[in-house]
Amino acid sequence: MLNKPRGYITTSKDENGRKTVIDLIPKINNQRVYPVGRLDANSTGLLL
C-alpha cells in the first residue's frame, strides 16, 4: 500500500513525463509492481 501524495498520476508510465506513483517506489528485488485501480492526480491516500 502507498499513501499517494497530490500531483502524482496513477499509472506505471506517462508519455508526457508527468510524475507517476511508480516514481515513489524503490525496485523490490528487481521486480516491478503496478497500481491496482486509480486515484486522480489531485487525490491522495490509499493505493494498492
All heavy atoms as atom14 arrays in JSON, in Angstrom:
{
  "sequence": "MLNKPRGYITTSKDENGRKTVIDLIPKINNQRVYPVGRLDANSTGLLL",
  "atom14_mask": [
    [1, 1, 1, 1, 1, 1, 1, 1, 0, 0, 0, 0, 0, 0],
    [1, 1, 1, 1, 1, 1, 1, 1, 0, 0, 0, 0, 0, 0],
    [1, 1, 1, 1, 1, 1, 1, 1, 0, 0, 0, 0, 0, 0],
    [1, 1, 1, 1, 1, 1, 1, 1, 1, 0, 0, 0, 0, 0],
    [1, 1, 1, 1, 1, 1, 1, 0, 0, 0, 0, 0, 0, 0],
    [1, 1, 1, 1, 1, 1, 1, 1, 1, 1, 1, 0, 0, 0],
    [1, 1, 1, 1, 0, 0, 0, 0, 0, 0, 0, 0, 0, 0],
    [1, 1, 1, 1, 1, 1, 1, 1, 1, 1, 1, 1, 0, 0],
    [1, 1, 1, 1, 1, 1, 1, 1, 0, 0, 0, 0, 0, 0],
    [1, 1, 1, 1, 1, 1, 1, 0, 0, 0, 0, 0, 0, 0],
    [1, 1, 1, 1, 1, 1, 1, 0, 0, 0, 0, 0, 0, 0],
    [1, 1, 1, 1, 1, 1, 0, 0, 0, 0, 0, 0, 0, 0],
    [1, 1, 1, 1, 1, 1, 1, 1, 1, 0, 0, 0, 0, 0],
    [1, 1, 1, 1, 1, 1, 1, 1, 0, 0, 0, 0, 0, 0],
    [1, 1, 1, 1, 1, 1, 1, 1, 1, 0, 0, 0, 0, 0],
    [1, 1, 1, 1, 1, 1, 1, 1, 0, 0, 0, 0, 0, 0],
    [1, 1, 1, 1, 0, 0, 0, 0, 0, 0, 0, 0, 0, 0],
    [1, 1, 1, 1, 1, 1, 1, 1, 1, 1, 1, 0, 0, 0],
    [1, 1, 1, 1, 1, 1, 1, 1, 1, 0, 0, 0, 0, 0],
    [1, 1, 1, 1, 1, 1, 1, 0, 0, 0, 0, 0, 0, 0],
    [1, 1, 1, 1, 1, 1, 1, 0, 0, 0, 0, 0, 0, 0],
    [1, 1, 1, 1, 1, 1, 1, 1, 0, 0, 0, 0, 0, 0],
    [1, 1, 1, 1, 1, 1, 1, 1, 0, 0, 0, 0, 0, 0],
    [1, 1, 1, 1, 1, 1, 1, 1, 0, 0, 0, 0, 0, 0],
    [1, 1, 1, 1, 1, 1, 1, 1, 0, 0, 0, 0, 0, 0],
    [1, 1, 1, 1, 1, 1, 1, 0, 0, 0, 0, 0, 0, 0],
    [1, 1, 1, 1, 1, 1, 1, 1, 1, 0, 0, 0, 0, 0],
    [1, 1, 1, 1, 1, 1, 1, 1, 0, 0, 0, 0, 0, 0],
    [1, 1, 1, 1, 1, 1, 1, 1, 0, 0, 0, 0, 0, 0],
    [1, 1, 1, 1, 1, 1, 1, 1, 0, 0, 0, 0, 0, 0],
    [1, 1, 1, 1, 1, 1, 1, 1, 1, 0, 0, 0, 0, 0],
    [1, 1, 1, 1, 1, 1, 1, 1, 1, 1, 1, 0, 0, 0],
    [1, 1, 1, 1, 1, 1, 1, 0, 0, 0, 0, 0, 0, 0],
    [1, 1, 1, 1, 1, 1, 1, 1, 1, 1, 1, 1, 0, 0],
    [1, 1, 1, 1, 1, 1, 1, 0, 0, 0, 0, 0, 0, 0],
    [1, 1, 1, 1, 1, 1, 1, 0, 0, 0, 0, 0, 0, 0],
    [1, 1, 1, 1, 0, 0, 0, 0, 0, 0, 0, 0, 0, 0],
    [1, 1, 1, 1, 1, 1, 1, 1, 1, 1, 1, 0, 0, 0],
    [1, 1, 1, 1, 1, 1, 1, 1, 0, 0, 0, 0, 0, 0],
    [1, 1, 1, 1, 1, 1, 1, 1, 0, 0, 0, 0, 0, 0],
    [1, 1, 1, 1, 1, 0, 0, 0, 0, 0, 0, 0, 0, 0],
    [1, 1, 1, 1, 1, 1, 1, 1, 0, 0, 0, 0, 0, 0],
    [1, 1, 1, 1, 1, 1, 0, 0, 0, 0, 0, 0, 0, 0],
    [1, 1, 1, 1, 1, 1, 1, 0, 0, 0, 0, 0, 0, 0],
    [1, 1, 1, 1, 0, 0, 0, 0, 0, 0, 0, 0, 0, 0],
    [1, 1, 1, 1, 1, 1, 1, 1, 0, 0, 0, 0, 0, 0],
    [1, 1, 1, 1, 1, 1, 1, 1, 0, 0, 0, 0, 0, 0],
    [1, 1, 1, 1, 1, 1, 1, 1, 0, 0, 0, 0, 0, 0]
  ],
  "atom14_positions": [
    [[0.85, -1.19, 0.0], [0.0, 0.0, 0.0], [0.88, 1.23, 0.0], [1.98, 1.24, 0.57], [-0.96, 0.03, 1.2], [-0.32, 0.35, 2.52], [-1.54, 0.94, 3.77], [-2.65, -0.44, 3.91], [0.0, 0.0, 0.0], [0.0, 0.0, 0.0], [0.0, 0.0, 0.0], [0.0, 0.0, 0.0], [0.0, 0.0, 0.0], [0.0, 0.0, 0.0]],
    [[0.39, 2.26, -0.67], [1.07, 3.55, -0.78], [0.13, 4.63, -0.28], [-1.07, 4.58, -0.55], [1.45, 3.81, -2.24], [1.86, 5.25, -2.62], [3.24, 5.59, -2.07], [1.83, 5.42, -4.14], [0.0, 0.0, 0.0], [0.0, 0.0, 0.0], [0.0, 0.0, 0.0], [0.0, 0.0, 0.0], [0.0, 0.0, 0.0], [0.0, 0.0, 0.0]],
    [[0.67, 5.61, 0.43], [-0.08, 6.82, 0.74], [0.26, 7.83, -0.35], [1.29, 8.52, -0.29], [0.28, 7.36, 2.13], [-0.62, 8.51, 2.53], [-1.36, 9.08, 1.72], [-0.57, 8.87, 3.8], [0.0, 0.0, 0.0], [0.0, 0.0, 0.0], [0.0, 0.0, 0.0], [0.0, 0.0, 0.0], [0.0, 0.0, 0.0], [0.0, 0.0, 0.0]],
    [[-0.57, 7.87, -1.36], [-0.28, 8.68, -2.55], [-0.35, 10.17, -2.26], [-1.34, 10.67, -1.73], [-1.29, 8.33, -3.66], [-1.13, 9.17, -4.93], [-2.31, 8.95, -5.85], [-2.39, 9.95, -6.96], [-2.42, 11.36, -6.55], [0.0, 0.0, 0.0], [0.0, 0.0, 0.0], [0.0, 0.0, 0.0], [0.0, 0.0, 0.0], [0.0, 0.0, 0.0]],
    [[0.69, 10.9, -2.64], [0.65, 12.36, -2.5], [-0.14, 13.01, -3.65], [-0.37, 12.39, -4.69], [2.12, 12.78, -2.58], [2.92, 11.5, -2.65], [2.0, 10.44, -3.11], [0.0, 0.0, 0.0], [0.0, 0.0, 0.0], [0.0, 0.0, 0.0], [0.0, 0.0, 0.0], [0.0, 0.0, 0.0], [0.0, 0.0, 0.0], [0.0, 0.0, 0.0]],
    [[-0.51, 14.25, -3.46], [-1.13, 15.02, -4.53], [-0.11, 15.25, -5.66], [1.08, 15.43, -5.42], [-1.61, 16.36, -3.99], [-2.42, 17.2, -4.99], [-2.67, 18.58, -4.42], [-3.41, 18.52, -3.17], [-4.74, 18.53, -3.08], [-5.46, 18.59, -4.18], [-5.33, 18.48, -1.9], [0.0, 0.0, 0.0], [0.0, 0.0, 0.0], [0.0, 0.0, 0.0]],
    [[-0.59, 15.26, -6.88], [0.26, 15.61, -8.02], [0.86, 14.44, -8.77], [1.51, 14.63, -9.8], [0.0, 0.0, 0.0], [0.0, 0.0, 0.0], [0.0, 0.0, 0.0], [0.0, 0.0, 0.0], [0.0, 0.0, 0.0], [0.0, 0.0, 0.0], [0.0, 0.0, 0.0], [0.0, 0.0, 0.0], [0.0, 0.0, 0.0], [0.0, 0.0, 0.0]],
    [[0.67, 13.23, -8.27], [1.19, 12.03, -8.94], [0.04, 11.32, -9.64], [-1.04, 11.16, -9.08], [1.84, 11.09, -7.93], [3.19, 11.55, -7.45], [3.29, 12.55, -6.48], [4.36, 11.02, -7.96], [4.53, 12.99, -6.04], [5.61, 11.44, -7.52], [5.68, 12.43, -6.56], [6.9, 12.87, -6.12], [0.0, 0.0, 0.0], [0.0, 0.0, 0.0]],
    [[0.3, 10.87, -10.87], [-0.74, 10.16, -11.59], [-0.61, 8.66, -11.35], [0.49, 8.15, -11.12], [-0.74, 10.48, -13.1], [0.56, 10.05, -13.77], [-1.0, 11.95, -13.33], [0.51, 10.15, -15.28], [0.0, 0.0, 0.0], [0.0, 0.0, 0.0], [0.0, 0.0, 0.0], [0.0, 0.0, 0.0], [0.0, 0.0, 0.0], [0.0, 0.0, 0.0]],
    [[-1.74, 7.97, -11.38], [-1.77, 6.55, -11.05], [-1.6, 5.71, -12.31], [-2.57, 5.23, -12.9], [-3.09, 6.19, -10.34], [-3.27, 7.09, -9.26], [-3.04, 4.77, -9.8], [0.0, 0.0, 0.0], [0.0, 0.0, 0.0], [0.0, 0.0, 0.0], [0.0, 0.0, 0.0], [0.0, 0.0, 0.0], [0.0, 0.0, 0.0], [0.0, 0.0, 0.0]],
    [[-0.37, 5.58, -12.72], [-0.03, 4.75, -13.87], [1.42, 4.33, -13.72], [2.16, 4.87, -12.89], [-0.25, 5.52, -15.18], [-0.03, 4.66, -16.3], [0.71, 6.7, -15.3], [0.0, 0.0, 0.0], [0.0, 0.0, 0.0], [0.0, 0.0, 0.0], [0.0, 0.0, 0.0], [0.0, 0.0, 0.0], [0.0, 0.0, 0.0], [0.0, 0.0, 0.0]],
    [[1.83, 3.37, -14.52], [3.21, 2.9, -14.43], [4.17, 3.8, -15.21], [5.34, 3.91, -14.87], [3.31, 1.46, -14.96], [2.52, 0.59, -14.18], [0.0, 0.0, 0.0], [0.0, 0.0, 0.0], [0.0, 0.0, 0.0], [0.0, 0.0, 0.0], [0.0, 0.0, 0.0], [0.0, 0.0, 0.0], [0.0, 0.0, 0.0], [0.0, 0.0, 0.0]],
    [[3.65, 4.44, -16.26], [4.49, 5.25, -17.13], [3.64, 6.32, -17.78], [2.48, 6.08, -18.11], [5.15, 4.37, -18.2], [6.19, 5.05, -19.06], [6.81, 4.05, -20.03], [7.88, 4.72, -20.88], [8.48, 3.76, -21.85], [0.0, 0.0, 0.0], [0.0, 0.0, 0.0], [0.0, 0.0, 0.0], [0.0, 0.0, 0.0], [0.0, 0.0, 0.0]],
    [[4.2, 7.52, -17.95], [3.44, 8.6, -18.58], [4.22, 9.17, -19.75], [5.38, 9.58, -19.61], [3.13, 9.7, -17.57], [2.3, 10.81, -18.18], [1.16, 10.52, -18.61], [2.79, 11.95, -18.26], [0.0, 0.0, 0.0], [0.0, 0.0, 0.0], [0.0, 0.0, 0.0], [0.0, 0.0, 0.0], [0.0, 0.0, 0.0], [0.0, 0.0, 0.0]],
    [[3.59, 9.19, -20.92], [4.27, 9.66, -22.13], [4.57, 11.16, -22.08], [5.44, 11.64, -22.8], [3.4, 9.35, -23.35], [3.23, 7.86, -23.61], [2.33, 7.59, -24.8], [1.73, 8.56, -25.32], [2.22, 6.41, -25.2], [0.0, 0.0, 0.0], [0.0, 0.0, 0.0], [0.0, 0.0, 0.0], [0.0, 0.0, 0.0], [0.0, 0.0, 0.0]],
    [[3.85, 11.89, -21.22], [4.05, 13.34, -21.12], [5.06, 13.72, -20.04], [5.26, 14.9, -19.77], [2.72, 14.03, -20.85], [1.72, 13.81, -21.98], [2.09, 13.87, -23.16], [0.47, 13.53, -21.63], [0.0, 0.0, 0.0], [0.0, 0.0, 0.0], [0.0, 0.0, 0.0], [0.0, 0.0, 0.0], [0.0, 0.0, 0.0], [0.0, 0.0, 0.0]],
    [[5.69, 12.71, -19.43], [6.73, 12.99, -18.45], [6.24, 13.44, -17.09], [7.03, 13.95, -16.28], [0.0, 0.0, 0.0], [0.0, 0.0, 0.0], [0.0, 0.0, 0.0], [0.0, 0.0, 0.0], [0.0, 0.0, 0.0], [0.0, 0.0, 0.0], [0.0, 0.0, 0.0], [0.0, 0.0, 0.0], [0.0, 0.0, 0.0], [0.0, 0.0, 0.0]],
    [[4.94, 13.26, -16.82], [4.43, 13.64, -15.51], [4.86, 12.64, -14.44], [5.19, 11.5, -14.75], [2.89, 13.72, -15.56], [2.36, 14.85, -16.42], [0.84, 14.77, -16.54], [0.43, 13.55, -17.25], [-0.84, 13.22, -17.47], [-1.82, 13.99, -17.01], [-1.12, 12.11, -18.13], [0.0, 0.0, 0.0], [0.0, 0.0, 0.0], [0.0, 0.0, 0.0]],
    [[4.86, 13.08, -13.19], [5.24, 12.21, -12.09], [4.2, 11.11, -11.91], [3.0, 11.38, -11.91], [5.39, 13.01, -10.8], [6.49, 14.06, -10.81], [6.57, 14.8, -9.49], [5.35, 15.67, -9.25], [5.5, 16.51, -8.03], [0.0, 0.0, 0.0], [0.0, 0.0, 0.0], [0.0, 0.0, 0.0], [0.0, 0.0, 0.0], [0.0, 0.0, 0.0]],
    [[4.67, 9.87, -11.76], [3.76, 8.76, -11.53], [4.03, 8.15, -10.17], [5.1, 8.35, -9.58], [3.9, 7.66, -12.61], [5.05, 6.85, -12.32], [4.04, 8.27, -14.0], [0.0, 0.0, 0.0], [0.0, 0.0, 0.0], [0.0, 0.0, 0.0], [0.0, 0.0, 0.0], [0.0, 0.0, 0.0], [0.0, 0.0, 0.0], [0.0, 0.0, 0.0]],
    [[3.07, 7.36, -9.69], [3.24, 6.73, -8.38], [4.42, 5.77, -8.36], [5.02, 5.53, -7.31], [1.96, 5.99, -7.95], [0.83, 6.99, -7.68], [1.52, 4.95, -8.97], [0.0, 0.0, 0.0], [0.0, 0.0, 0.0], [0.0, 0.0, 0.0], [0.0, 0.0, 0.0], [0.0, 0.0, 0.0], [0.0, 0.0, 0.0], [0.0, 0.0, 0.0]],
    [[4.79, 5.24, -9.52], [5.93, 4.33, -9.59], [7.23, 5.04, -9.25], [8.18, 4.43, -8.76], [6.01, 3.67, -10.99], [4.71, 2.9, -11.27], [7.19, 2.73, -11.1], [4.38, 1.82, -10.26], [0.0, 0.0, 0.0], [0.0, 0.0, 0.0], [0.0, 0.0, 0.0], [0.0, 0.0, 0.0], [0.0, 0.0, 0.0], [0.0, 0.0, 0.0]],
    [[7.27, 6.36, -9.47], [8.47, 7.14, -9.11], [8.73, 7.11, -7.61], [9.85, 7.4, -7.16], [8.32, 8.6, -9.57], [8.23, 8.73, -11.08], [8.83, 7.89, -11.78], [7.57, 9.67, -11.56], [0.0, 0.0, 0.0], [0.0, 0.0, 0.0], [0.0, 0.0, 0.0], [0.0, 0.0, 0.0], [0.0, 0.0, 0.0], [0.0, 0.0, 0.0]],
    [[7.71, 6.8, -6.83], [7.83, 6.79, -5.37], [8.28, 5.45, -4.82], [8.55, 5.33, -3.62], [6.48, 7.16, -4.74], [5.91, 8.54, -5.09], [4.46, 8.62, -4.66], [6.73, 9.62, -4.41], [0.0, 0.0, 0.0], [0.0, 0.0, 0.0], [0.0, 0.0, 0.0], [0.0, 0.0, 0.0], [0.0, 0.0, 0.0], [0.0, 0.0, 0.0]],
    [[8.35, 4.45, -5.69], [8.54, 3.08, -5.22], [9.92, 2.55, -5.61], [10.25, 2.49, -6.8], [7.45, 2.16, -5.8], [6.08, 2.68, -5.38], [7.64, 0.72, -5.35], [4.96, 2.1, -6.16], [0.0, 0.0, 0.0], [0.0, 0.0, 0.0], [0.0, 0.0, 0.0], [0.0, 0.0, 0.0], [0.0, 0.0, 0.0], [0.0, 0.0, 0.0]],
    [[10.73, 2.17, -4.65], [12.02, 1.57, -4.99], [11.81, 0.2, -5.61], [10.81, -0.47, -5.36], [12.71, 1.43, -3.62], [11.59, 1.34, -2.65], [10.48, 2.2, -3.2], [0.0, 0.0, 0.0], [0.0, 0.0, 0.0], [0.0, 0.0, 0.0], [0.0, 0.0, 0.0], [0.0, 0.0, 0.0], [0.0, 0.0, 0.0], [0.0, 0.0, 0.0]],
    [[12.74, -0.22, -6.47], [12.65, -1.56, -7.05], [12.82, -2.58, -5.93], [13.72, -2.47, -5.11], [13.71, -1.76, -8.13], [13.3, -1.21, -9.48], [14.06, -1.87, -10.61], [13.48, -1.47, -11.95], [14.19, -2.11, -13.07], [0.0, 0.0, 0.0], [0.0, 0.0, 0.0], [0.0, 0.0, 0.0], [0.0, 0.0, 0.0], [0.0, 0.0, 0.0]],
    [[11.94, -3.56, -5.93], [11.92, -4.56, -4.87], [12.42, -5.88, -5.45], [11.74, -6.51, -6.25], [10.5, -4.72, -4.31], [9.96, -3.35, -3.86], [10.47, -5.71, -3.16], [8.48, -3.23, -3.88], [0.0, 0.0, 0.0], [0.0, 0.0, 0.0], [0.0, 0.0, 0.0], [0.0, 0.0, 0.0], [0.0, 0.0, 0.0], [0.0, 0.0, 0.0]],
    [[13.65, -6.24, -5.08], [14.25, -7.47, -5.62], [14.2, -7.49, -7.15], [13.97, -8.52, -7.77], [13.54, -8.71, -5.06], [13.67, -8.8, -3.56], [14.68, -8.39, -2.99], [12.66, -9.34, -2.89], [0.0, 0.0, 0.0], [0.0, 0.0, 0.0], [0.0, 0.0, 0.0], [0.0, 0.0, 0.0], [0.0, 0.0, 0.0], [0.0, 0.0, 0.0]],
    [[14.41, -6.3, -7.76], [14.38, -6.16, -9.22], [13.04, -6.55, -9.83], [12.96, -6.88, -11.01], [15.5, -6.98, -9.86], [16.88, -6.39, -9.55], [17.04, -5.17, -9.59], [17.83, -7.24, -9.24], [0.0, 0.0, 0.0], [0.0, 0.0, 0.0], [0.0, 0.0, 0.0], [0.0, 0.0, 0.0], [0.0, 0.0, 0.0], [0.0, 0.0, 0.0]],
    [[11.98, -6.51, -9.04], [10.65, -6.81, -9.54], [9.8, -5.55, -9.55], [9.93, -4.69, -8.68], [9.98, -7.89, -8.68], [10.7, -9.23, -8.72], [9.95, -10.29, -7.94], [8.75, -10.43, -8.09], [10.68, -11.04, -7.12], [0.0, 0.0, 0.0], [0.0, 0.0, 0.0], [0.0, 0.0, 0.0], [0.0, 0.0, 0.0], [0.0, 0.0, 0.0]],
    [[8.94, -5.46, -10.55], [8.07, -4.29, -10.69], [6.71, -4.57, -10.08], [6.2, -5.68, -10.13], [7.89, -3.95, -12.18], [9.17, -3.51, -12.86], [8.87, -3.01, -14.24], [8.25, -4.05, -15.09], [7.81, -3.82, -16.32], [7.89, -2.6, -16.84], [7.28, -4.8, -17.04], [0.0, 0.0, 0.0], [0.0, 0.0, 0.0], [0.0, 0.0, 0.0]],
    [[6.13, -3.52, -9.52], [4.75, -3.57, -9.11], [4.0, -2.48, -9.86], [4.62, -1.57, -10.43], [4.58, -3.37, -7.58], [5.18, -4.52, -6.82], [5.19, -2.05, -7.12], [0.0, 0.0, 0.0], [0.0, 0.0, 0.0], [0.0, 0.0, 0.0], [0.0, 0.0, 0.0], [0.0, 0.0, 0.0], [0.0, 0.0, 0.0], [0.0, 0.0, 0.0]],
    [[2.69, -2.57, -9.9], [1.89, -1.58, -10.62], [0.63, -1.29, -9.82], [0.22, -2.08, -8.96], [1.55, -2.06, -12.03], [1.06, -3.49, -12.09], [-0.27, -3.8, -11.83], [1.93, -4.53, -12.38], [-0.73, -5.1, -11.86], [1.48, -5.84, -12.41], [0.15, -6.12, -12.15], [-0.29, -7.41, -12.19], [0.0, 0.0, 0.0], [0.0, 0.0, 0.0]],
    [[-0.02, -0.15, -10.1], [-1.18, 0.26, -9.29], [-2.4, -0.63, -9.54], [-2.63, -1.12, -10.65], [-1.46, 1.69, -9.78], [-0.25, 2.11, -10.54], [0.37, 0.87, -11.08], [0.0, 0.0, 0.0], [0.0, 0.0, 0.0], [0.0, 0.0, 0.0], [0.0, 0.0, 0.0], [0.0, 0.0, 0.0], [0.0, 0.0, 0.0], [0.0, 0.0, 0.0]],
    [[-3.18, -0.81, -8.48], [-4.46, -1.5, -8.56], [-5.54, -0.43, -8.52], [-5.74, 0.22, -7.5], [-4.65, -2.48, -7.39], [-6.01, -3.17, -7.49], [-3.52, -3.51, -7.37], [0.0, 0.0, 0.0], [0.0, 0.0, 0.0], [0.0, 0.0, 0.0], [0.0, 0.0, 0.0], [0.0, 0.0, 0.0], [0.0, 0.0, 0.0], [0.0, 0.0, 0.0]],
    [[-6.23, -0.21, -9.62], [-7.22, 0.86, -9.67], [-6.53, 2.22, -9.8], [-5.35, 2.3, -10.13], [0.0, 0.0, 0.0], [0.0, 0.0, 0.0], [0.0, 0.0, 0.0], [0.0, 0.0, 0.0], [0.0, 0.0, 0.0], [0.0, 0.0, 0.0], [0.0, 0.0, 0.0], [0.0, 0.0, 0.0], [0.0, 0.0, 0.0], [0.0, 0.0, 0.0]],
    [[-7.3, 3.27, -9.5], [-6.8, 4.61, -9.73], [-7.18, 5.58, -8.63], [-8.2, 5.41, -7.96], [-7.34, 5.16, -11.06], [-6.73, 4.48, -12.27], [-7.25, 5.12, -13.54], [-6.62, 4.53, -14.71], [-7.22, 4.28, -15.85], [-8.49, 4.56, -15.98], [-6.57, 3.76, -16.87], [0.0, 0.0, 0.0], [0.0, 0.0, 0.0], [0.0, 0.0, 0.0]],
    [[-6.36, 6.6, -8.49], [-6.7, 7.84, -7.8], [-6.24, 8.96, -8.72], [-5.11, 8.91, -9.23], [-5.95, 7.95, -6.46], [-6.53, 7.26, -5.23], [-5.57, 7.4, -4.06], [-7.89, 7.82, -4.86], [0.0, 0.0, 0.0], [0.0, 0.0, 0.0], [0.0, 0.0, 0.0], [0.0, 0.0, 0.0], [0.0, 0.0, 0.0], [0.0, 0.0, 0.0]],
    [[-7.1, 9.95, -8.97], [-6.68, 11.01, -9.89], [-5.54, 11.83, -9.29], [-5.25, 11.75, -8.1], [-7.87, 11.87, -10.33], [-8.46, 12.67, -9.19], [-7.74, 13.5, -8.61], [-9.65, 12.48, -8.88], [0.0, 0.0, 0.0], [0.0, 0.0, 0.0], [0.0, 0.0, 0.0], [0.0, 0.0, 0.0], [0.0, 0.0, 0.0], [0.0, 0.0, 0.0]],
    [[-4.9, 12.62, -10.13], [-3.68, 13.33, -9.74], [-3.87, 14.2, -8.51], [-2.97, 14.32, -7.67], [-3.16, 14.17, -10.9], [0.0, 0.0, 0.0], [0.0, 0.0, 0.0], [0.0, 0.0, 0.0], [0.0, 0.0, 0.0], [0.0, 0.0, 0.0], [0.0, 0.0, 0.0], [0.0, 0.0, 0.0], [0.0, 0.0, 0.0], [0.0, 0.0, 0.0]],
    [[-5.05, 14.83, -8.37], [-5.28, 15.75, -7.26], [-5.81, 15.06, -6.0], [-6.04, 15.73, -5.0], [-6.25, 16.85, -7.69], [-5.62, 17.8, -8.69], [-4.43, 18.11, -8.59], [-6.39, 18.24, -9.67], [0.0, 0.0, 0.0], [0.0, 0.0, 0.0], [0.0, 0.0, 0.0], [0.0, 0.0, 0.0], [0.0, 0.0, 0.0], [0.0, 0.0, 0.0]],
    [[-6.01, 13.74, -6.07], [-6.48, 13.0, -4.9], [-5.31, 12.33, -4.19], [-4.26, 12.08, -4.8], [-7.5, 11.93, -5.32], [-8.64, 12.54, -5.9], [0.0, 0.0, 0.0], [0.0, 0.0, 0.0], [0.0, 0.0, 0.0], [0.0, 0.0, 0.0], [0.0, 0.0, 0.0], [0.0, 0.0, 0.0], [0.0, 0.0, 0.0], [0.0, 0.0, 0.0]],
    [[-5.49, 12.04, -2.92], [-4.42, 11.47, -2.11], [-4.94, 10.21, -1.41], [-6.12, 9.89, -1.44], [-3.92, 12.48, -1.06], [-4.99, 12.76, -0.13], [-3.48, 13.77, -1.69], [0.0, 0.0, 0.0], [0.0, 0.0, 0.0], [0.0, 0.0, 0.0], [0.0, 0.0, 0.0], [0.0, 0.0, 0.0], [0.0, 0.0, 0.0], [0.0, 0.0, 0.0]],
    [[-4.0, 9.52, -0.75], [-4.41, 8.44, 0.12], [-4.07, 7.05, -0.37], [-3.13, 6.85, -1.14], [0.0, 0.0, 0.0], [0.0, 0.0, 0.0], [0.0, 0.0, 0.0], [0.0, 0.0, 0.0], [0.0, 0.0, 0.0], [0.0, 0.0, 0.0], [0.0, 0.0, 0.0], [0.0, 0.0, 0.0], [0.0, 0.0, 0.0], [0.0, 0.0, 0.0]],
    [[-4.86, 6.09, 0.09], [-4.56, 4.67, -0.04], [-4.63, 4.18, -1.48], [-5.66, 4.28, -2.14], [-5.52, 3.86, 0.83], [-5.44, 2.34, 0.77], [-4.03, 1.84, 1.07], [-6.42, 1.72, 1.74], [0.0, 0.0, 0.0], [0.0, 0.0, 0.0], [0.0, 0.0, 0.0], [0.0, 0.0, 0.0], [0.0, 0.0, 0.0], [0.0, 0.0, 0.0]],
    [[-3.52, 3.62, -1.94], [-3.44, 3.0, -3.25], [-2.72, 1.68, -3.09], [-1.67, 1.62, -2.44], [-2.68, 3.89, -4.23], [-2.58, 3.39, -5.67], [-3.94, 3.44, -6.36], [-1.56, 4.22, -6.45], [0.0, 0.0, 0.0], [0.0, 0.0, 0.0], [0.0, 0.0, 0.0], [0.0, 0.0, 0.0], [0.0, 0.0, 0.0], [0.0, 0.0, 0.0]],
    [[-3.28, 0.62, -3.65], [-2.64, -0.69, -3.6], [-1.76, -0.89, -4.83], [-2.06, -0.39, -5.92], [-3.69, -1.8, -3.55], [-4.64, -1.78, -2.35], [-5.67, -2.9, -2.47], [-3.87, -1.91, -1.04], [0.0, 0.0, 0.0], [0.0, 0.0, 0.0], [0.0, 0.0, 0.0], [0.0, 0.0, 0.0], [0.0, 0.0, 0.0], [0.0, 0.0, 0.0]]
  ]
}
